[in-house]
Amino acid sequence: MQAAEPPFRGAGEFSALGGALVWAIASILYAKSFRKGGTNDAVWFKNFISTVVLGLIALVIGREYGGGLPAMHEFGWILASGLFGMWIGDWMYFIALTHLGVSRSVILTMATPALTAMFAWWIYGEVLIVGQWIGILCVVGGSILVESRRLKPAAAEPQDEKEGAAAAEESLAPVRSLKVGYLSCLTATLAWTLSNLLVRKGLVETGAVTGGALRLAAGTFGFAVWFLFRGQLRQQIRKLGTWDSWRKFAFPTFLGTVVGMSLYVAGFKWAPQGVASSLASTVPLFALPLSIWLLHEKSSWRGWLGSIVVVIGVFLVGKVL
């Protein structure tokens, strides 16, 4: 894809890199708010408020800047992409944040670009060069390296039967949490991959900002149906107007979705697609130090090395190297 003329040299590259930094910071802020509960509330708030904000922006800026009305024949593809990406994918990602932490969740879900490239090769006949296959192996290998050393529950001799049962239950809790986290990361990665494949057919004539707003609207609709099925829709709608929701979720929503989406679109507008895609995927390099600093998550040389290998892999998949 040919990049448009940027307002200044390197504008697209800086925008794509800024988008990665912004999403890393937003993930940290969301993770901090989750300690007070509410992953469902966070995704619901993010999707609903961002739909309104981006929808208004799309109407104001017009088609020449990525807004305007969507092409009707692409409407279904965009909505399907939003259901998988902004509902299931984001929901599972937020659950993963609570069980695995920010740095590990970000690194494991970086398999999305590699899986998207592989399925595009299979479905759309896109040719993968040798460097891209090496990149896919780097993504997989780096993720395995990050997860290669995990603490196992220590065995202890119980003094009585009740104490033994309590100790066994306590030792299984971290294992169960890890399983939920891994399953959530896998589901998020697969959902985002499918979303990427579907949106390819939905943004040919439709502007990127309009497409983003519609995808978020589809994610909001998915949650609305889920809440309606559980008899919680009225309660969740009321929560959107509470000070508690705005205090916890407003800033990360604005930063991660509104600002992040704008930088992401600018990156693809003003830089070559491969360069923008790869720079936007450097989230782990920002997320790891930020999670250590702000969330006090623990890491090791495996975490740092695995993150670097994953990012190199994403660069290779993006045809940069």
Protein backbone atom coordinates (compact mmCIF):
# COMPACT_ATOMS: atom_id res chain seq x y z
CA MET A 1 0.00 0.00 0.00
CA GLN A 2 1.45 3.35 -1.00
CA ALA A 3 1.72 5.78 1.91
CA ALA A 4 0.23 9.28 1.59
CA GLU A 5 2.39 12.38 1.80
CA PRO A 6 3.12 12.96 5.54
CA PRO A 7 2.94 16.42 7.17
CA PHE A 8 6.59 16.00 8.24
CA ARG A 9 9.33 13.45 7.72
CA GLY A 10 8.72 10.28 9.75
CA ALA A 11 5.16 11.24 10.78
CA GLY A 12 3.80 7.79 9.93
CA GLU A 13 6.56 5.93 11.73
CA PHE A 14 6.25 8.10 14.85
CA SER A 15 2.46 7.66 14.79
CA ALA A 16 2.67 3.86 14.59
CA LEU A 17 5.25 3.74 17.37
CA GLY A 18 3.18 6.15 19.45
CA GLY A 19 0.15 3.93 18.98
CA ALA A 20 2.10 0.99 20.44
CA LEU A 21 3.19 3.08 23.43
CA VAL A 22 -0.34 4.37 24.00
CA TRP A 23 -1.85 0.87 23.95
CA ALA A 24 0.81 -0.40 26.38
CA ILE A 25 0.00 2.44 28.81
CA ALA A 26 -3.76 1.86 28.41
CA SER A 27 -3.30 -1.86 29.18
CA ILE A 28 -1.44 -0.93 32.37
CA LEU A 29 -4.23 1.45 33.42
CA TYR A 30 -6.92 -1.13 32.66
CA ALA A 31 -5.03 -3.77 34.66
CA LYS A 32 -4.85 -1.40 37.65
CA SER A 33 -8.60 -0.79 37.46
CA PHE A 34 -9.27 -4.55 37.28
CA ARG A 35 -7.82 -4.94 40.76
CA LYS A 36 -11.03 -3.29 41.91
CA GLY A 37 -13.10 -5.66 39.73
CA GLY A 38 -15.00 -5.31 36.47
CA THR A 39 -13.48 -6.73 33.26
CA ASN A 40 -16.95 -6.91 31.68
CA ASP A 41 -17.68 -3.36 32.79
CA ALA A 42 -14.39 -2.15 31.30
CA VAL A 43 -14.93 -3.64 27.82
CA TRP A 44 -18.56 -2.52 27.79
CA PHE A 45 -17.59 1.05 28.77
CA LYS A 46 -14.67 1.12 26.30
CA ASN A 47 -16.78 -0.07 23.37
CA PHE A 48 -19.84 2.06 24.08
CA ILE A 49 -18.08 5.37 24.76
CA SER A 50 -15.54 4.86 21.95
CA THR A 51 -18.35 4.08 19.50
CA VAL A 52 -19.99 7.42 20.28
CA VAL A 53 -16.73 9.40 20.15
CA LEU A 54 -15.33 7.82 16.97
CA GLY A 55 -18.76 7.88 15.33
CA LEU A 56 -19.00 11.63 15.85
CA ILE A 57 -15.43 12.11 14.63
CA ALA A 58 -16.16 10.06 11.50
CA LEU A 59 -19.18 12.21 10.68
CA VAL A 60 -17.27 15.46 11.22
CA ILE A 61 -14.05 14.73 9.31
CA GLY A 62 -15.73 13.33 6.21
CA ARG A 63 -14.74 10.61 3.77
CA GLU A 64 -11.51 12.25 2.60
CA TYR A 65 -9.99 11.79 6.08
CA GLY A 66 -11.29 8.29 6.73
CA GLY A 67 -14.77 9.18 7.98
CA GLY A 68 -18.14 9.55 6.29
CA LEU A 69 -20.76 6.89 5.71
CA PRO A 70 -19.73 3.26 5.13
CA ALA A 71 -20.07 1.42 1.83
CA MET A 72 -23.23 -0.65 2.30
CA HIS A 73 -21.85 -3.80 0.66
CA GLU A 74 -19.00 -3.79 3.22
CA PHE A 75 -21.26 -3.26 6.22
CA GLY A 76 -21.66 -6.95 7.10
CA TRP A 77 -17.93 -7.67 6.96
CA ILE A 78 -17.16 -4.77 9.28
CA LEU A 79 -19.80 -5.79 11.82
CA ALA A 80 -18.65 -9.43 11.80
CA SER A 81 -15.08 -8.24 12.31
CA GLY A 82 -16.21 -6.11 15.24
CA LEU A 83 -18.08 -8.94 16.92
CA PHE A 84 -15.01 -11.17 16.90
CA GLY A 85 -12.40 -8.47 17.52
CA MET A 86 -14.01 -5.85 19.76
CA TRP A 87 -16.32 -8.16 21.69
CA ILE A 88 -14.81 -11.64 22.04
CA GLY A 89 -11.17 -10.70 21.41
CA ASP A 90 -11.01 -7.65 23.69
CA TRP A 91 -13.09 -9.39 26.38
CA MET A 92 -10.76 -12.38 26.49
CA TYR A 93 -7.70 -10.11 26.43
CA PHE A 94 -8.93 -8.18 29.46
CA ILE A 95 -9.57 -11.45 31.31
CA ALA A 96 -6.03 -12.55 30.44
CA LEU A 97 -4.67 -9.32 31.92
CA THR A 98 -6.18 -10.21 35.30
CA HIS A 99 -4.73 -13.76 35.32
CA LEU A 100 -1.37 -13.43 33.57
CA GLY A 101 -0.49 -9.77 33.95
CA VAL A 102 0.14 -7.19 31.26
CA SER A 103 3.57 -8.18 29.95
CA ARG A 104 2.80 -11.88 29.48
CA SER A 105 -0.66 -11.26 27.96
CA VAL A 106 0.74 -8.74 25.49
CA ILE A 107 3.58 -11.04 24.43
CA LEU A 108 1.38 -14.12 23.99
CA THR A 109 -1.23 -12.26 21.94
CA MET A 110 1.51 -11.00 19.61
CA ALA A 111 0.94 -14.26 17.75
CA THR A 112 -1.98 -12.47 16.05
CA PRO A 113 0.03 -10.91 13.16
CA ALA A 114 1.75 -14.25 12.49
CA LEU A 115 -1.53 -16.18 12.48
CA THR A 116 -3.16 -13.52 10.30
CA ALA A 117 -0.34 -13.85 7.76
CA MET A 118 -0.60 -17.66 7.77
CA PHE A 119 -4.36 -17.71 7.28
CA ALA A 120 -4.15 -14.98 4.61
CA TRP A 121 -1.66 -17.23 2.80
CA TRP A 122 -4.13 -20.11 3.01
CA ILE A 123 -7.39 -18.21 2.32
CA TYR A 124 -6.36 -15.32 0.08
CA GLY A 125 -3.34 -16.91 -1.56
CA GLU A 126 -0.89 -14.31 -0.26
CA VAL A 127 2.67 -15.52 -0.72
CA LEU A 128 4.84 -15.79 2.40
CA ILE A 129 8.54 -15.34 1.77
CA VAL A 130 11.24 -17.19 3.71
CA GLY A 131 11.81 -14.23 6.04
CA GLN A 132 8.15 -14.23 7.04
CA TRP A 133 8.21 -17.94 7.91
CA ILE A 134 11.29 -17.25 10.04
CA GLY A 135 9.35 -14.41 11.66
CA ILE A 136 6.46 -16.75 12.50
CA LEU A 137 8.91 -19.17 14.12
CA CYS A 138 10.42 -16.26 16.09
CA VAL A 139 6.99 -15.26 17.42
CA VAL A 140 6.26 -18.83 18.52
CA GLY A 141 9.77 -19.37 19.91
CA GLY A 142 9.82 -16.06 21.77
CA SER A 143 6.45 -16.78 23.38
CA ILE A 144 7.63 -20.21 24.50
CA LEU A 145 10.79 -18.64 25.93
CA VAL A 146 8.77 -16.17 27.97
CA GLU A 147 6.66 -18.98 29.45
CA SER A 148 9.47 -21.53 29.81
CA ARG A 149 10.02 -20.97 33.51
CA ARG A 150 7.02 -20.84 35.78
CA LEU A 151 6.90 -21.48 39.51
CA LYS A 152 5.29 -24.78 40.47
CA PRO A 153 3.28 -25.16 43.67
CA ALA A 154 5.57 -26.38 46.39
CA ALA A 155 4.68 -29.70 48.02
CA ALA A 156 4.24 -29.63 51.78
CA GLU A 157 3.49 -32.29 54.36
CA PRO A 158 0.12 -31.52 55.96
CA GLN A 159 -0.30 -32.01 59.69
CA ASP A 160 -3.88 -33.26 59.44
CA GLU A 161 -6.53 -34.07 56.86
CA LYS A 162 -8.27 -30.67 56.95
CA GLU A 163 -5.00 -28.82 56.67
CA GLY A 164 -3.98 -31.05 53.77
CA ALA A 165 -7.22 -30.36 51.88
CA ALA A 166 -6.89 -26.62 52.44
CA ALA A 167 -3.24 -26.65 51.33
CA ALA A 168 -4.09 -28.66 48.21
CA GLU A 169 -6.88 -26.25 47.28
CA GLU A 170 -4.58 -23.26 47.83
CA SER A 171 -1.83 -24.79 45.69
CA LEU A 172 -4.24 -25.46 42.82
CA ALA A 173 -5.54 -21.87 42.70
CA PRO A 174 -2.50 -20.43 40.84
CA VAL A 175 -2.61 -23.33 38.37
CA ARG A 176 -6.28 -22.70 37.63
CA SER A 177 -5.60 -19.00 37.18
CA LEU A 178 -2.80 -19.77 34.71
CA LYS A 179 -5.09 -22.08 32.72
CA VAL A 180 -7.77 -19.39 32.51
CA GLY A 181 -5.14 -16.87 31.44
CA TYR A 182 -3.66 -19.09 28.73
CA LEU A 183 -7.10 -20.04 27.41
CA SER A 184 -8.12 -16.37 27.35
CA CYS A 185 -4.95 -15.41 25.45
CA LEU A 186 -5.52 -18.18 22.92
CA THR A 187 -9.17 -17.20 22.41
CA ALA A 188 -8.27 -13.49 22.09
CA THR A 189 -5.55 -14.27 19.54
CA LEU A 190 -7.84 -16.45 17.42
CA ALA A 191 -10.70 -13.92 17.62
CA TRP A 192 -8.43 -11.02 16.63
CA THR A 193 -6.99 -13.08 13.77
CA LEU A 194 -10.46 -13.84 12.42
CA SER A 195 -11.39 -10.18 12.87
CA ASN A 196 -8.35 -9.12 10.81
CA LEU A 197 -9.27 -11.51 8.02
CA LEU A 198 -12.89 -10.34 7.93
CA VAL A 199 -12.12 -6.62 8.04
CA ARG A 200 -9.95 -6.97 4.94
CA LYS A 201 -13.16 -7.14 2.90
CA GLY A 202 -14.80 -4.34 4.88
CA LEU A 203 -12.37 -1.44 4.52
CA VAL A 204 -11.89 -1.29 0.75
CA GLU A 205 -14.17 1.72 0.24
CA THR A 206 -15.15 2.47 3.86
CA GLY A 207 -12.94 4.95 5.75
CA ALA A 208 -10.72 3.66 8.54
CA VAL A 209 -12.28 5.86 11.25
CA THR A 210 -15.80 4.90 10.18
CA GLY A 211 -14.76 1.25 10.10
CA GLY A 212 -13.29 1.55 13.59
CA ALA A 213 -16.48 3.11 14.94
CA LEU A 214 -18.64 0.37 13.36
CA ARG A 215 -16.41 -2.39 14.70
CA LEU A 216 -16.70 -0.91 18.19
CA ALA A 217 -20.48 -0.63 17.72
CA ALA A 218 -20.61 -4.33 16.85
CA GLY A 219 -18.62 -5.13 19.99
CA THR A 220 -21.05 -3.02 22.03
CA PHE A 221 -23.98 -4.87 20.47
CA GLY A 222 -22.43 -8.24 21.35
CA PHE A 223 -22.14 -7.25 24.99
CA ALA A 224 -25.67 -5.78 24.99
CA VAL A 225 -27.07 -9.15 23.84
CA TRP A 226 -24.97 -10.95 26.45
CA PHE A 227 -26.20 -8.65 29.24
CA LEU A 228 -29.80 -8.93 28.00
CA PHE A 229 -29.55 -12.73 28.11
CA ARG A 230 -28.29 -12.52 31.70
CA GLY A 231 -30.91 -9.94 32.73
CA GLN A 232 -28.22 -7.28 33.38
CA LEU A 233 -28.71 -4.85 30.49
CA ARG A 234 -30.51 -2.10 32.45
CA GLN A 235 -27.94 -2.30 35.21
CA GLN A 236 -25.04 -2.07 32.75
CA ILE A 237 -26.60 0.90 30.93
CA ARG A 238 -26.98 2.72 34.24
CA LYS A 239 -23.33 1.98 35.07
CA LEU A 240 -22.24 3.95 32.00
CA GLY A 241 -23.33 7.16 33.70
CA THR A 242 -21.82 6.48 37.12
CA TRP A 243 -18.83 8.40 38.44
CA ASP A 244 -17.15 5.11 39.43
CA SER A 245 -17.11 3.87 35.81
CA TRP A 246 -15.82 7.17 34.45
CA ARG A 247 -13.17 7.39 37.19
CA LYS A 248 -11.82 3.90 36.43
CA PHE A 249 -12.25 3.56 32.67
CA ALA A 250 -12.58 6.99 31.01
CA PHE A 251 -8.88 7.86 30.73
CA PRO A 252 -7.61 4.45 29.51
CA THR A 253 -10.54 4.33 27.06
CA PHE A 254 -9.74 7.76 25.64
CA LEU A 255 -6.01 7.02 25.57
CA GLY A 256 -6.10 3.47 24.23
CA THR A 257 -9.04 3.56 21.85
CA VAL A 258 -9.53 7.15 20.70
CA VAL A 259 -5.91 8.36 20.68
CA GLY A 260 -4.52 4.91 19.91
CA MET A 261 -6.90 4.39 16.99
CA SER A 262 -6.03 7.81 15.58
CA LEU A 263 -2.28 7.12 15.78
CA TYR A 264 -2.78 3.66 14.28
CA VAL A 265 -4.71 5.06 11.32
CA ALA A 266 -2.13 7.85 10.87
CA GLY A 267 0.67 5.30 10.86
CA PHE A 268 -0.94 3.36 8.03
CA LYS A 269 -1.80 6.56 6.18
CA TRP A 270 1.68 8.10 6.22
CA ALA A 271 4.02 5.09 6.30
CA PRO A 272 4.33 1.93 4.19
CA GLN A 273 1.99 -0.80 5.43
CA GLY A 274 4.71 -3.22 6.49
CA VAL A 275 6.61 -0.55 8.43
CA ALA A 276 3.45 0.73 10.17
CA SER A 277 2.28 -2.79 11.03
CA SER A 278 5.59 -3.77 12.56
CA LEU A 279 6.13 -0.55 14.52
CA ALA A 280 2.57 -0.75 15.86
CA SER A 281 3.39 -4.26 17.12
CA THR A 282 6.25 -3.18 19.39
CA VAL A 283 3.83 -3.07 22.34
CA PRO A 284 5.79 -5.71 24.36
CA LEU A 285 8.90 -3.55 24.45
CA PHE A 286 6.88 -0.81 26.16
CA ALA A 287 4.58 -3.05 28.20
CA LEU A 288 7.32 -5.04 29.91
CA PRO A 289 9.19 -2.17 31.62
CA LEU A 290 5.95 -0.30 32.36
CA SER A 291 4.38 -3.36 34.00
CA ILE A 292 7.49 -3.87 36.14
CA TRP A 293 7.56 -0.20 37.15
CA LEU A 294 3.85 0.53 37.70
CA LEU A 295 2.33 -2.89 38.49
CA HIS A 296 5.39 -4.45 40.13
CA GLU A 297 5.15 -7.50 37.88
CA LYS A 298 8.19 -9.76 37.99
CA SER A 299 10.23 -10.62 34.93
CA SER A 300 13.51 -12.34 34.13
CA TRP A 301 16.05 -12.47 31.33
CA ARG A 302 13.70 -14.95 29.61
CA GLY A 303 10.95 -12.33 29.60
CA TRP A 304 13.17 -9.64 28.10
CA LEU A 305 14.80 -11.95 25.57
CA GLY A 306 11.47 -13.51 24.60
CA SER A 307 9.94 -10.06 24.09
CA ILE A 308 12.79 -9.03 21.79
CA VAL A 309 12.53 -12.28 19.79
CA VAL A 310 8.75 -11.81 19.42
CA VAL A 311 9.14 -8.22 18.19
CA ILE A 312 11.84 -9.30 15.71
CA GLY A 313 9.44 -11.98 14.48
CA VAL A 314 6.66 -9.44 14.00
CA PHE A 315 9.08 -7.22 12.04
CA LEU A 316 9.91 -10.14 9.77
CA VAL A 317 6.24 -11.03 9.27
CA GLY A 318 5.62 -7.38 8.37
CA LYS A 319 8.22 -7.66 5.56
CA VAL A 320 10.36 -4.92 7.09
CA LEU A 321 13.59 -6.87 7.25
